[in-house]
Amino acid sequence: MKNLLTLHEAVILVLIKQPNRTATYEKIAEEIEKRNLFPERKGGILLSEQIKLRTSISSSKYKHMFEKISKNEIKFI
């Protein structure tokens, strides 16, 4: 099944429903899996790690949309 959403869009959909729009990478990944928001992935990287890379590293073009709250937690701003 082709992805209808990009990964950062799936992350936003999950975070919008969370208290304070905040969650851990693992919780976000679990919810994306549960809701089948991003079924087709390439490579052998864990979904939680993909989320971390897409939302947190300085070279990410989506970093401005998220705030790193702690080592394992982000917030949609």
C-alpha atoms as a PDB file:
ATOM      1  CA  MET A   1       0.000   0.000   0.000  1.00  0.00           C
ATOM      2  CA  LYS A   2       1.406   3.375  -1.005  1.00  0.00           C
ATOM      3  CA  ASN A   3       1.736   5.961   1.741  1.00  0.00           C
ATOM      4  CA  LEU A   4      -0.911   8.657   1.588  1.00  0.00           C
ATOM      5  CA  LEU A   5       0.999  10.783   4.109  1.00  0.00           C
ATOM      6  CA  THR A   6       4.617  11.714   4.521  1.00  0.00           C
ATOM      7  CA  LEU A   7       6.245  10.678   7.775  1.00  0.00           C
ATOM      8  CA  HIS A   8       6.237  14.183   9.217  1.00  0.00           C
ATOM      9  CA  GLU A   9       2.512  14.514   8.400  1.00  0.00           C
ATOM     10  CA  ALA A  10       1.812  11.235  10.219  1.00  0.00           C
ATOM     11  CA  VAL A  11       3.809  12.494  13.224  1.00  0.00           C
ATOM     12  CA  ILE A  12       1.754  15.702  13.287  1.00  0.00           C
ATOM     13  CA  LEU A  13      -1.532  13.757  13.170  1.00  0.00           C
ATOM     14  CA  VAL A  14      -0.444  11.769  16.200  1.00  0.00           C
ATOM     15  CA  LEU A  15       0.888  14.740  18.169  1.00  0.00           C
ATOM     16  CA  ILE A  16      -2.214  16.883  17.627  1.00  0.00           C
ATOM     17  CA  LYS A  17      -4.216  14.400  19.726  1.00  0.00           C
ATOM     18  CA  GLN A  18      -1.645  14.189  22.556  1.00  0.00           C
ATOM     19  CA  PRO A  19      -1.716  16.299  25.724  1.00  0.00           C
ATOM     20  CA  ASN A  20       0.360  19.434  25.094  1.00  0.00           C
ATOM     21  CA  ARG A  21       1.043  18.036  21.594  1.00  0.00           C
ATOM     22  CA  THR A  22       3.942  16.144  23.159  1.00  0.00           C
ATOM     23  CA  ALA A  23       4.987  12.476  23.047  1.00  0.00           C
ATOM     24  CA  THR A  24       8.017  10.207  22.960  1.00  0.00           C
ATOM     25  CA  TYR A  25       9.380   8.924  19.666  1.00  0.00           C
ATOM     26  CA  GLU A  26       8.328   5.426  20.694  1.00  0.00           C
ATOM     27  CA  LYS A  27       4.739   6.458  21.495  1.00  0.00           C
ATOM     28  CA  ILE A  28       4.474   8.290  18.179  1.00  0.00           C
ATOM     29  CA  ALA A  29       5.807   5.240  16.322  1.00  0.00           C
ATOM     30  CA  GLU A  30       3.368   2.934  18.126  1.00  0.00           C
ATOM     31  CA  GLU A  31       0.431   5.161  17.229  1.00  0.00           C
ATOM     32  CA  ILE A  32       1.515   5.469  13.585  1.00  0.00           C
ATOM     33  CA  GLU A  33       1.771   1.672  13.389  1.00  0.00           C
ATOM     34  CA  LYS A  34      -1.567   1.159  15.136  1.00  0.00           C
ATOM     35  CA  ARG A  35      -3.343   3.581  12.809  1.00  0.00           C
ATOM     36  CA  ASN A  36      -1.406   2.387   9.725  1.00  0.00           C
ATOM     37  CA  LEU A  37      -0.537   5.989   8.835  1.00  0.00           C
ATOM     38  CA  PHE A  38       2.819   5.211   7.213  1.00  0.00           C
ATOM     39  CA  PRO A  39       2.780   1.557   6.114  1.00  0.00           C
ATOM     40  CA  GLU A  40       5.478   1.543   3.434  1.00  0.00           C
ATOM     41  CA  ARG A  41       9.017   2.219   4.656  1.00  0.00           C
ATOM     42  CA  LYS A  42      12.433   1.717   3.141  1.00  0.00           C
ATOM     43  CA  GLY A  43      15.562   0.568   4.895  1.00  0.00           C
ATOM     44  CA  GLY A  44      15.928  -1.253   8.153  1.00  0.00           C
ATOM     45  CA  ILE A  45      15.695   1.744  10.473  1.00  0.00           C
ATOM     46  CA  LEU A  46      13.217   1.543  13.349  1.00  0.00           C
ATOM     47  CA  LEU A  47      10.242   3.841  12.898  1.00  0.00           C
ATOM     48  CA  SER A  48      10.991   5.634  16.180  1.00  0.00           C
ATOM     49  CA  GLU A  49      14.522   6.361  14.920  1.00  0.00           C
ATOM     50  CA  GLN A  50      13.181   7.614  11.568  1.00  0.00           C
ATOM     51  CA  ILE A  51      10.869   9.957  13.477  1.00  0.00           C
ATOM     52  CA  LYS A  52      13.764  11.212  15.572  1.00  0.00           C
ATOM     53  CA  LEU A  53      15.871  11.880  12.484  1.00  0.00           C
ATOM     54  CA  ARG A  54      13.042  13.572  10.596  1.00  0.00           C
ATOM     55  CA  THR A  55      12.054  15.874  13.448  1.00  0.00           C
ATOM     56  CA  SER A  56      15.239  16.584  15.392  1.00  0.00           C
ATOM     57  CA  ILE A  57      18.476  16.638  13.425  1.00  0.00           C
ATOM     58  CA  SER A  58      19.762  20.027  12.326  1.00  0.00           C
ATOM     59  CA  SER A  59      19.691  19.152   8.615  1.00  0.00           C
ATOM     60  CA  SER A  60      16.012  18.149   8.675  1.00  0.00           C
ATOM     61  CA  LYS A  61      13.771  20.487   6.707  1.00  0.00           C
ATOM     62  CA  TYR A  62      10.953  19.776   9.177  1.00  0.00           C
ATOM     63  CA  LYS A  63      12.867  20.599  12.381  1.00  0.00           C
ATOM     64  CA  HIS A  64      11.209  24.026  12.656  1.00  0.00           C
ATOM     65  CA  MET A  65       7.837  22.318  13.195  1.00  0.00           C
ATOM     66  CA  PHE A  66       8.932  20.431  16.309  1.00  0.00           C
ATOM     67  CA  GLU A  67      10.524  21.257  19.636  1.00  0.00           C
ATOM     68  CA  LYS A  68      12.767  18.721  21.338  1.00  0.00           C
ATOM     69  CA  ILE A  69      11.499  18.475  24.920  1.00  0.00           C
ATOM     70  CA  SER A  70      13.916  15.814  26.150  1.00  0.00           C
ATOM     71  CA  LYS A  71      16.221  13.164  24.745  1.00  0.00           C
ATOM     72  CA  ASN A  72      13.253  11.024  23.673  1.00  0.00           C
ATOM     73  CA  GLU A  73      10.341  13.443  23.468  1.00  0.00           C
ATOM     74  CA  ILE A  74       9.150  16.084  21.003  1.00  0.00           C
ATOM     75  CA  LYS A  75       6.369  18.627  20.765  1.00  0.00           C
ATOM     76  CA  PHE A  76       4.510  19.854  17.697  1.00  0.00           C
ATOM     77  CA  ILE A  77       4.662  23.659  17.733  1.00  0.00           C
END
